[in-house]
C-alpha atoms as a PDB file:
ATOM      1  CA  MET A   1      94.943 -52.721  80.893  1.00  0.00           C
ATOM      2  CA  LEU A   2      96.310 -54.916  83.677  1.00  0.00           C
ATOM      3  CA  ALA A   3      98.843 -57.609  82.829  1.00  0.00           C
ATOM      4  CA  ILE A   4      98.148 -60.948  84.513  1.00  0.00           C
ATOM      5  CA  VAL A   5     100.771 -63.354  83.199  1.00  0.00           C
ATOM      6  CA  ASP A   6     103.285 -63.523  80.335  1.00  0.00           C
ATOM      7  CA  PRO A   7     102.817 -66.860  78.490  1.00  0.00           C
ATOM      8  CA  SER A   8     106.312 -66.540  77.014  1.00  0.00           C
ATOM      9  CA  ILE A   9     107.903 -67.233  80.406  1.00  0.00           C
ATOM     10  CA  ALA A  10     108.689 -70.933  80.822  1.00  0.00           C
ATOM     11  CA  PRO A  11     107.610 -72.703  84.059  1.00  0.00           C
ATOM     12  CA  LEU A  12     111.270 -73.427  84.896  1.00  0.00           C
ATOM     13  CA  THR A  13     112.082 -69.718  84.565  1.00  0.00           C
ATOM     14  CA  ILE A  14     109.194 -68.846  86.873  1.00  0.00           C
ATOM     15  CA  GLY A  15     110.505 -71.337  89.434  1.00  0.00           C
ATOM     16  CA  LEU A  16     113.973 -69.808  89.242  1.00  0.00           C
ATOM     17  CA  LEU A  17     112.553 -66.293  89.635  1.00  0.00           C
ATOM     18  CA  ILE A  18     110.652 -67.363  92.748  1.00  0.00           C
ATOM     19  CA  ALA A  19     113.845 -68.893  94.181  1.00  0.00           C
ATOM     20  CA  VAL A  20     115.727 -65.657  93.469  1.00  0.00           C
ATOM     21  CA  ALA A  21     112.945 -63.707  95.207  1.00  0.00           C
ATOM     22  CA  PHE A  22     113.318 -65.802  98.372  1.00  0.00           C
ATOM     23  CA  ILE A  23     117.070 -65.154  98.485  1.00  0.00           C
ATOM     24  CA  ALA A  24     116.533 -61.469  97.705  1.00  0.00           C
ATOM     25  CA  GLY A  25     113.998 -61.130 100.527  1.00  0.00           C
ATOM     26  CA  PHE A  26     116.386 -62.726 103.010  1.00  0.00           C
ATOM     27  CA  ILE A  27     119.274 -60.458 101.990  1.00  0.00           C
ATOM     28  CA  ASP A  28     117.165 -57.315 101.696  1.00  0.00           C
ATOM     29  CA  ALA A  29     115.841 -57.654 105.235  1.00  0.00           C
ATOM     30  CA  ILE A  30     119.406 -57.777 106.561  1.00  0.00           C
ATOM     31  CA  ALA A  31     121.325 -55.216 104.535  1.00  0.00           C
ATOM     32  CA  GLY A  32     119.123 -53.970 101.689  1.00  0.00           C
ATOM     33  CA  GLY A  33     119.806 -54.536  98.028  1.00  0.00           C
ATOM     34  CA  GLY A  34     117.282 -57.244  97.241  1.00  0.00           C
ATOM     35  CA  GLY A  35     116.402 -55.429  94.016  1.00  0.00           C
ATOM     36  CA  LEU A  36     119.974 -56.034  92.893  1.00  0.00           C
ATOM     37  CA  LEU A  37     118.911 -59.657  92.470  1.00  0.00           C
ATOM     38  CA  THR A  38     115.270 -59.481  91.419  1.00  0.00           C
ATOM     39  CA  ILE A  39     115.572 -56.749  88.764  1.00  0.00           C
ATOM     40  CA  PRO A  40     118.457 -58.396  86.844  1.00  0.00           C
ATOM     41  CA  ALA A  41     116.693 -61.755  87.122  1.00  0.00           C
ATOM     42  CA  LEU A  42     113.472 -60.318  85.660  1.00  0.00           C
ATOM     43  CA  LEU A  43     115.420 -58.555  82.915  1.00  0.00           C
ATOM     44  CA  THR A  44     117.273 -61.708  81.939  1.00  0.00           C
ATOM     45  CA  ALA A  45     113.891 -63.482  81.720  1.00  0.00           C
ATOM     46  CA  GLY A  46     113.216 -61.216  78.755  1.00  0.00           C
ATOM     47  CA  LEU A  47     110.538 -58.910  80.197  1.00  0.00           C
ATOM     48  CA  PRO A  48     110.257 -55.278  78.988  1.00  0.00           C
ATOM     49  CA  PRO A  49     111.887 -52.820  81.440  1.00  0.00           C
ATOM     50  CA  HIS A  50     108.679 -51.041  82.499  1.00  0.00           C
ATOM     51  CA  LEU A  51     107.042 -54.388  83.263  1.00  0.00           C
ATOM     52  CA  VAL A  52     110.183 -55.435  85.154  1.00  0.00           C
ATOM     53  CA  LEU A  53     109.994 -52.374  87.406  1.00  0.00           C
ATOM     54  CA  GLY A  54     106.273 -52.756  88.085  1.00  0.00           C
ATOM     55  CA  THR A  55     106.424 -56.492  88.799  1.00  0.00           C
ATOM     56  CA  ASN A  56     109.485 -55.994  90.975  1.00  0.00           C
ATOM     57  CA  LYS A  57     107.641 -53.343  93.007  1.00  0.00           C
ATOM     58  CA  LEU A  58     104.803 -55.771  93.628  1.00  0.00           C
ATOM     59  CA  CYS A  59     107.011 -58.494  95.054  1.00  0.00           C
ATOM     60  CA  ALA A  60     109.298 -55.986  96.848  1.00  0.00           C
ATOM     61  CA  THR A  61     106.312 -54.497  98.678  1.00  0.00           C
ATOM     62  CA  PHE A  62     105.567 -57.917 100.191  1.00  0.00           C
ATOM     63  CA  GLY A  63     109.116 -58.284 101.482  1.00  0.00           C
ATOM     64  CA  SER A  64     109.573 -54.752 102.791  1.00  0.00           C
ATOM     65  CA  ALA A  65     106.201 -54.894 104.584  1.00  0.00           C
ATOM     66  CA  THR A  66     107.200 -58.107 106.350  1.00  0.00           C
ATOM     67  CA  ALA A  67     110.633 -56.833 107.361  1.00  0.00           C
ATOM     68  CA  SER A  68     109.276 -53.437 108.408  1.00  0.00           C
ATOM     69  CA  PHE A  69     106.599 -54.963 110.630  1.00  0.00           C
ATOM     70  CA  THR A  70     109.149 -57.290 112.232  1.00  0.00           C
ATOM     71  CA  PHE A  71     111.452 -54.393 113.173  1.00  0.00           C
ATOM     72  CA  TYR A  72     108.509 -52.307 114.389  1.00  0.00           C
ATOM     73  CA  ARG A  73     107.166 -55.137 116.543  1.00  0.00           C
ATOM     74  CA  ARG A  74     110.588 -55.491 118.172  1.00  0.00           C
ATOM     75  CA  GLY A  75     110.637 -51.769 119.028  1.00  0.00           C
ATOM     76  CA  LEU A  76     113.413 -50.965 116.544  1.00  0.00           C
ATOM     77  CA  PHE A  77     111.441 -48.348 114.598  1.00  0.00           C
ATOM     78  CA  GLU A  78     109.415 -45.467 116.079  1.00  0.00           C
ATOM     79  CA  PRO A  79     107.124 -43.919 113.431  1.00  0.00           C
ATOM     80  CA  GLY A  80     106.567 -40.781 115.513  1.00  0.00           C
ATOM     81  CA  LEU A  81     110.224 -39.789 115.121  1.00  0.00           C
ATOM     82  CA  TRP A  82     110.153 -40.214 111.352  1.00  0.00           C
ATOM     83  CA  LYS A  83     106.976 -38.433 110.195  1.00  0.00           C
ATOM     84  CA  ASN A  84     108.847 -36.119 107.815  1.00  0.00           C
ATOM     85  CA  ALA A  85     110.822 -39.017 106.341  1.00  0.00           C
ATOM     86  CA  LEU A  86     107.670 -41.087 105.802  1.00  0.00           C
ATOM     87  CA  LEU A  87     105.902 -38.231 104.007  1.00  0.00           C
ATOM     88  CA  SER A  88     108.882 -37.112 101.911  1.00  0.00           C
ATOM     89  CA  THR A  89     109.657 -40.702 100.905  1.00  0.00           C
ATOM     90  CA  ALA A  90     106.079 -41.186  99.713  1.00  0.00           C
ATOM     91  CA  VAL A  91     106.189 -37.978  97.650  1.00  0.00           C
ATOM     92  CA  GLY A  92     109.604 -38.805  96.191  1.00  0.00           C
ATOM     93  CA  ALA A  93     108.543 -42.335  95.227  1.00  0.00           C
ATOM     94  CA  LEU A  94     105.411 -41.080  93.454  1.00  0.00           C
ATOM     95  CA  LEU A  95     107.447 -38.588  91.436  1.00  0.00           C
ATOM     96  CA  GLY A  96     110.085 -41.194  90.647  1.00  0.00           C
ATOM     97  CA  ALA A  97     107.577 -43.794  89.459  1.00  0.00           C
ATOM     98  CA  LEU A  98     105.875 -41.223  87.230  1.00  0.00           C
ATOM     99  CA  ALA A  99     109.262 -40.287  85.761  1.00  0.00           C
ATOM    100  CA  ALA A 100     110.039 -43.961  85.109  1.00  0.00           C
ATOM    101  CA  HIS A 101     106.683 -44.425  83.373  1.00  0.00           C
ATOM    102  CA  TRP A 102     107.428 -41.682  80.841  1.00  0.00           C
ATOM    103  CA  MET A 103     110.997 -42.788  80.121  1.00  0.00           C
ATOM    104  CA  PRO A 104     111.464 -44.564  76.753  1.00  0.00           C
ATOM    105  CA  SER A 105     112.105 -48.310  77.041  1.00  0.00           C
ATOM    106  CA  THR A 106     115.485 -47.919  75.361  1.00  0.00           C
ATOM    107  CA  TRP A 107     116.614 -45.549  78.109  1.00  0.00           C
ATOM    108  CA  LEU A 108     115.567 -47.991  80.812  1.00  0.00           C
ATOM    109  CA  ASN A 109     117.232 -50.904  79.021  1.00  0.00           C
ATOM    110  CA  GLN A 110     120.537 -49.059  79.147  1.00  0.00           C
ATOM    111  CA  MET A 111     120.033 -47.333  82.501  1.00  0.00           C
ATOM    112  CA  LEU A 112     119.103 -50.317  84.676  1.00  0.00           C
ATOM    113  CA  PRO A 113     122.272 -52.377  84.061  1.00  0.00           C
ATOM    114  CA  VAL A 114     124.384 -49.313  84.874  1.00  0.00           C
ATOM    115  CA  VAL A 115     122.428 -48.609  88.057  1.00  0.00           C
ATOM    116  CA  VAL A 116     122.648 -52.218  89.217  1.00  0.00           C
ATOM    117  CA  PHE A 117     126.356 -52.432  88.411  1.00  0.00           C
ATOM    118  CA  ALA A 118     127.110 -49.150  90.197  1.00  0.00           C
ATOM    119  CA  CYS A 119     125.201 -50.294  93.282  1.00  0.00           C
ATOM    120  CA  GLY A 120     127.074 -53.582  93.257  1.00  0.00           C
ATOM    121  CA  LEU A 121     130.411 -51.728  93.182  1.00  0.00           C
ATOM    122  CA  TYR A 122     129.207 -49.464  95.976  1.00  0.00           C
ATOM    123  CA  LEU A 123     128.337 -52.424  98.173  1.00  0.00           C
ATOM    124  CA  LEU A 124     131.669 -54.045  97.296  1.00  0.00           C
ATOM    125  CA  PHE A 125     133.875 -51.089  98.197  1.00  0.00           C
ATOM    126  CA  GLY A 126     131.615 -49.097 100.530  1.00  0.00           C
ATOM    127  CA  ARG A 127     132.197 -49.239 104.253  1.00  0.00           C
ATOM    128  CA  VAL A 128     129.286 -49.168 106.692  1.00  0.00           C
ATOM    129  CA  PRO A 129     130.101 -46.976 109.718  1.00  0.00           C
ATOM    130  CA  ASP A 130     130.854 -48.745 112.979  1.00  0.00           C
ATOM    131  CA  PRO A 131     127.634 -48.682 115.053  1.00  0.00           C
ATOM    132  CA  ALA A 132     129.736 -48.295 118.193  1.00  0.00           C
ATOM    133  CA  ALA A 133     130.847 -44.901 116.896  1.00  0.00           C
ATOM    134  CA  THR A 134     127.338 -43.442 116.635  1.00  0.00           C
ATOM    135  CA  ARG A 135     126.474 -40.621 119.002  1.00  0.00           C
ATOM    136  CA  ASN A 136     123.590 -40.294 121.401  1.00  0.00           C
ATOM    137  CA  GLY A 137     121.247 -37.458 120.545  1.00  0.00           C
ATOM    138  CA  LYS A 138     117.970 -36.377 118.972  1.00  0.00           C
ATOM    139  CA  ILE A 139     116.682 -37.286 115.532  1.00  0.00           C
ATOM    140  CA  GLY A 140     116.962 -34.213 113.290  1.00  0.00           C
ATOM    141  CA  GLN A 141     113.609 -33.560 111.616  1.00  0.00           C
ATOM    142  CA  HIS A 142     114.873 -31.115 108.968  1.00  0.00           C
ATOM    143  CA  ARG A 143     117.315 -33.649 107.516  1.00  0.00           C
ATOM    144  CA  GLN A 144     114.560 -36.127 106.768  1.00  0.00           C
ATOM    145  CA  TRP A 145     113.044 -34.139 103.868  1.00  0.00           C
ATOM    146  CA  PRO A 146     116.021 -34.138 101.476  1.00  0.00           C
ATOM    147  CA  GLN A 147     116.911 -37.711 102.445  1.00  0.00           C
ATOM    148  CA  GLY A 148     113.366 -38.989 101.940  1.00  0.00           C
ATOM    149  CA  LEU A 149     112.749 -37.098  98.686  1.00  0.00           C
ATOM    150  CA  ALA A 150     116.035 -38.215  97.116  1.00  0.00           C
ATOM    151  CA  LEU A 151     115.878 -41.872  98.118  1.00  0.00           C
ATOM    152  CA  GLY A 152     112.140 -42.098  97.499  1.00  0.00           C
ATOM    153  CA  PHE A 153     112.601 -40.687  93.996  1.00  0.00           C
ATOM    154  CA  TYR A 154     115.438 -43.113  93.287  1.00  0.00           C
ATOM    155  CA  ASP A 155     113.362 -46.063  94.507  1.00  0.00           C
ATOM    156  CA  GLY A 156     110.465 -44.972  92.311  1.00  0.00           C
ATOM    157  CA  VAL A 157     112.660 -44.695  89.205  1.00  0.00           C
ATOM    158  CA  ALA A 158     114.766 -47.842  89.668  1.00  0.00           C
ATOM    159  CA  GLY A 159     115.231 -49.073  93.235  1.00  0.00           C
ATOM    160  CA  PRO A 160     118.246 -51.454  93.407  1.00  0.00           C
ATOM    161  CA  GLY A 161     120.194 -50.848  96.607  1.00  0.00           C
ATOM    162  CA  THR A 162     117.702 -48.393  98.128  1.00  0.00           C
ATOM    163  CA  GLY A 163     117.615 -50.251 101.442  1.00  0.00           C
ATOM    164  CA  ALA A 164     121.407 -50.201 101.673  1.00  0.00           C
ATOM    165  CA  PHE A 165     121.474 -46.478 100.843  1.00  0.00           C
ATOM    166  CA  TRP A 166     118.888 -45.808 103.554  1.00  0.00           C
ATOM    167  CA  THR A 167     120.891 -47.759 106.120  1.00  0.00           C
ATOM    168  CA  VAL A 168     124.210 -46.059 105.358  1.00  0.00           C
ATOM    169  CA  SER A 169     122.799 -42.514 105.073  1.00  0.00           C
ATOM    170  CA  THR A 170     120.805 -42.959 108.290  1.00  0.00           C
ATOM    171  CA  LEU A 171     123.912 -44.098 110.149  1.00  0.00           C
ATOM    172  CA  LEU A 172     125.785 -41.039 108.894  1.00  0.00           C
ATOM    173  CA  MET A 173     123.034 -38.510 109.588  1.00  0.00           C
ATOM    174  CA  TYR A 174     121.503 -39.656 112.897  1.00  0.00           C
ATOM    175  CA  PRO A 175     122.673 -41.047 116.252  1.00  0.00           C
ATOM    176  CA  LEU A 176     121.480 -44.609 115.652  1.00  0.00           C
ATOM    177  CA  ASP A 177     123.138 -47.999 115.807  1.00  0.00           C
ATOM    178  CA  LEU A 178     123.155 -50.347 112.836  1.00  0.00           C
ATOM    179  CA  LEU A 179     120.119 -52.337 113.959  1.00  0.00           C
ATOM    180  CA  ARG A 180     117.854 -49.305 114.394  1.00  0.00           C
ATOM    181  CA  ALA A 181     119.124 -47.785 111.148  1.00  0.00           C
ATOM    182  CA  SER A 182     118.112 -51.040 109.464  1.00  0.00           C
ATOM    183  CA  GLY A 183     114.645 -50.702 110.982  1.00  0.00           C
ATOM    184  CA  VAL A 184     114.339 -47.200 109.515  1.00  0.00           C
ATOM    185  CA  ALA A 185     115.575 -48.439 106.134  1.00  0.00           C
ATOM    186  CA  ARG A 186     113.104 -51.319 105.952  1.00  0.00           C
ATOM    187  CA  SER A 187     110.187 -49.057 106.893  1.00  0.00           C
ATOM    188  CA  MET A 188     111.044 -46.327 104.385  1.00  0.00           C
ATOM    189  CA  ASN A 189     111.615 -48.967 101.729  1.00  0.00           C
ATOM    190  CA  PHE A 190     108.083 -50.241 102.322  1.00  0.00           C
ATOM    191  CA  VAL A 191     106.613 -46.745 101.915  1.00  0.00           C
ATOM    192  CA  SER A 192     108.451 -46.051  98.655  1.00  0.00           C
ATOM    193  CA  ASN A 193     107.672 -49.514  97.277  1.00  0.00           C
ATOM    194  CA  ALA A 194     103.963 -49.152  98.037  1.00  0.00           C
ATOM    195  CA  MET A 195     103.669 -45.668  96.537  1.00  0.00           C
ATOM    196  CA  ALA A 196     105.594 -46.605  93.382  1.00  0.00           C
ATOM    197  CA  LEU A 197     103.538 -49.800  93.049  1.00  0.00           C
ATOM    198  CA  ALA A 198     100.328 -47.741  93.012  1.00  0.00           C
ATOM    199  CA  VAL A 199     101.634 -45.840  89.971  1.00  0.00           C
ATOM    200  CA  PHE A 200     102.709 -49.001  88.142  1.00  0.00           C
ATOM    201  CA  ILE A 201      99.336 -50.654  88.836  1.00  0.00           C
ATOM    202  CA  SER A 202      97.478 -47.623  87.470  1.00  0.00           C
ATOM    203  CA  THR A 203      99.482 -47.827  84.240  1.00  0.00           C
ATOM    204  CA  GLY A 204      99.096 -51.609  83.864  1.00  0.00           C
ATOM    205  CA  GLN A 205     102.809 -52.349  84.215  1.00  0.00           C
ATOM    206  CA  VAL A 206     102.518 -55.339  86.586  1.00  0.00           C
ATOM    207  CA  LEU A 207     102.506 -59.092  85.902  1.00  0.00           C
ATOM    208  CA  TRP A 208     100.201 -60.136  88.727  1.00  0.00           C
ATOM    209  CA  MET A 209     100.654 -63.904  88.881  1.00  0.00           C
ATOM    210  CA  LEU A 210     104.438 -63.730  88.647  1.00  0.00           C
ATOM    211  CA  GLY A 211     104.638 -60.763  91.023  1.00  0.00           C
ATOM    212  CA  LEU A 212     102.431 -62.434  93.642  1.00  0.00           C
ATOM    213  CA  GLY A 213     104.372 -65.697  93.445  1.00  0.00           C
ATOM    214  CA  MET A 214     107.683 -63.876  93.842  1.00  0.00           C
ATOM    215  CA  GLY A 215     106.134 -61.683  96.530  1.00  0.00           C
ATOM    216  CA  LEU A 216     105.149 -64.642  98.716  1.00  0.00           C
ATOM    217  CA  ALA A 217     108.654 -66.102  98.360  1.00  0.00           C
ATOM    218  CA  LEU A 218     110.204 -62.720  99.101  1.00  0.00           C
ATOM    219  CA  MET A 219     107.970 -62.344 102.148  1.00  0.00           C
ATOM    220  CA  LEU A 220     109.163 -65.659 103.569  1.00  0.00           C
ATOM    221  CA  GLY A 221     112.773 -64.724 102.890  1.00  0.00           C
ATOM    222  CA  ALA A 222     112.273 -61.308 104.491  1.00  0.00           C
ATOM    223  CA  TYR A 223     110.747 -62.867 107.609  1.00  0.00           C
ATOM    224  CA  LEU A 224     113.732 -65.160 108.080  1.00  0.00           C
ATOM    225  CA  GLY A 225     116.217 -62.420 107.174  1.00  0.00           C
ATOM    226  CA  ALA A 226     114.764 -59.854 109.576  1.00  0.00           C
ATOM    227  CA  HIS A 227     114.923 -62.305 112.453  1.00  0.00           C
ATOM    228  CA  SER A 228     118.509 -63.192 111.518  1.00  0.00           C
ATOM    229  CA  ALA A 229     119.447 -59.498 111.430  1.00  0.00           C
ATOM    230  CA  ILE A 230     117.877 -58.849 114.821  1.00  0.00           C
ATOM    231  CA  ARG A 231     119.795 -61.799 116.267  1.00  0.00           C
ATOM    232  CA  GLY A 232     123.110 -60.354 115.110  1.00  0.00           C
ATOM    233  CA  GLY A 233     123.289 -59.932 111.344  1.00  0.00           C
ATOM    234  CA  ALA A 234     124.708 -62.265 108.749  1.00  0.00           C
ATOM    235  CA  LYS A 235     128.141 -61.192 107.489  1.00  0.00           C
ATOM    236  CA  PHE A 236     128.629 -64.520 105.749  1.00  0.00           C
ATOM    237  CA  ILE A 237     126.038 -63.464 103.133  1.00  0.00           C
ATOM    238  CA  ARG A 238     128.116 -60.525 101.838  1.00  0.00           C
ATOM    239  CA  PRO A 239     130.621 -62.374  99.576  1.00  0.00           C
ATOM    240  CA  VAL A 240     127.916 -64.635  98.110  1.00  0.00           C
ATOM    241  CA  PHE A 241     125.611 -61.689  97.556  1.00  0.00           C
ATOM    242  CA  LEU A 242     128.284 -59.606  95.829  1.00  0.00           C
ATOM    243  CA  SER A 243     129.357 -62.512  93.618  1.00  0.00           C
ATOM    244  CA  VAL A 244     125.797 -63.060  92.384  1.00  0.00           C
ATOM    245  CA  VAL A 245     125.187 -59.338  91.832  1.00  0.00           C
ATOM    246  CA  LEU A 246     128.374 -58.751  89.870  1.00  0.00           C
ATOM    247  CA  ALA A 247     127.809 -61.844  87.728  1.00  0.00           C
ATOM    248  CA  LEU A 248     124.244 -60.820  86.844  1.00  0.00           C
ATOM    249  CA  THR A 249     125.132 -57.187  86.171  1.00  0.00           C
ATOM    250  CA  ALA A 250     128.054 -58.172  83.976  1.00  0.00           C
ATOM    251  CA  ARG A 251     125.648 -60.211  81.864  1.00  0.00           C
ATOM    252  CA  LEU A 252     123.236 -57.288  81.601  1.00  0.00           C
ATOM    253  CA  VAL A 253     125.988 -54.884  80.570  1.00  0.00           C
ATOM    254  CA  TRP A 254     126.998 -57.341  77.853  1.00  0.00           C
ATOM    255  CA  GLN A 255     123.370 -57.858  76.780  1.00  0.00           C
ATOM    256  CA  HIS A 256     122.322 -54.200  76.561  1.00  0.00           C
ATOM    257  CA  TRP A 257     125.570 -52.345  75.898  1.00  0.00           C
ATOM    258  CA  LEU A 258     128.112 -54.622  74.221  1.00  0.00           C
ATOM    259  CA  SER A 259     126.121 -57.144  72.192  1.00  0.00           C
END
């Protein structure tokens, strides 16, 4: 049975979730990690974890599609070079979403805060390689399978920080600069979001009205963020982004582990 709307969610809460989605879309298009905002926000609204993941995939697919198309249109992503990554990411995301569907709600309640918090710490202390240090060379096809399967599976199960993980791993594994690595990350993120969303739709774990409203806001944010990234990035977002993420994850740890 498909879920349309949750009447327990107050209109003010819906407005705040849509605002969070816009910010998440803007940030995700630049550096990845939009799920670090939308998933905690949906959890703190009181939704069950499976419904949180499905609704988040709906709105995330809007944003990643917009960002991916923007990078592709600017010639910053060449699908022909990434066939293995596209296929392996799709397979990994399907397997991950199926695994998430069969996990007990109590596991997800405790797992998601830990995942979000760990990703926030990673983004706080992790160092993105200098794009000037990347080498010129060919794109290794054999490396794309383990990368796509692993990150696709992770995005299907949970998802926070997947775009950032794609960007960093792509910089480390291939001779690309930061901008082109971001184009790869946005495109793979779209594939995994879409495949995982198909699973969540089939199991009725999507709030359609809320997900579509957040998706439109996320799409607008992603459009603006992708253009900002292409024009030179937005380093000023990092401290604000990390502050919000750590504050939200701290609340979730308290809510699901300490209370």
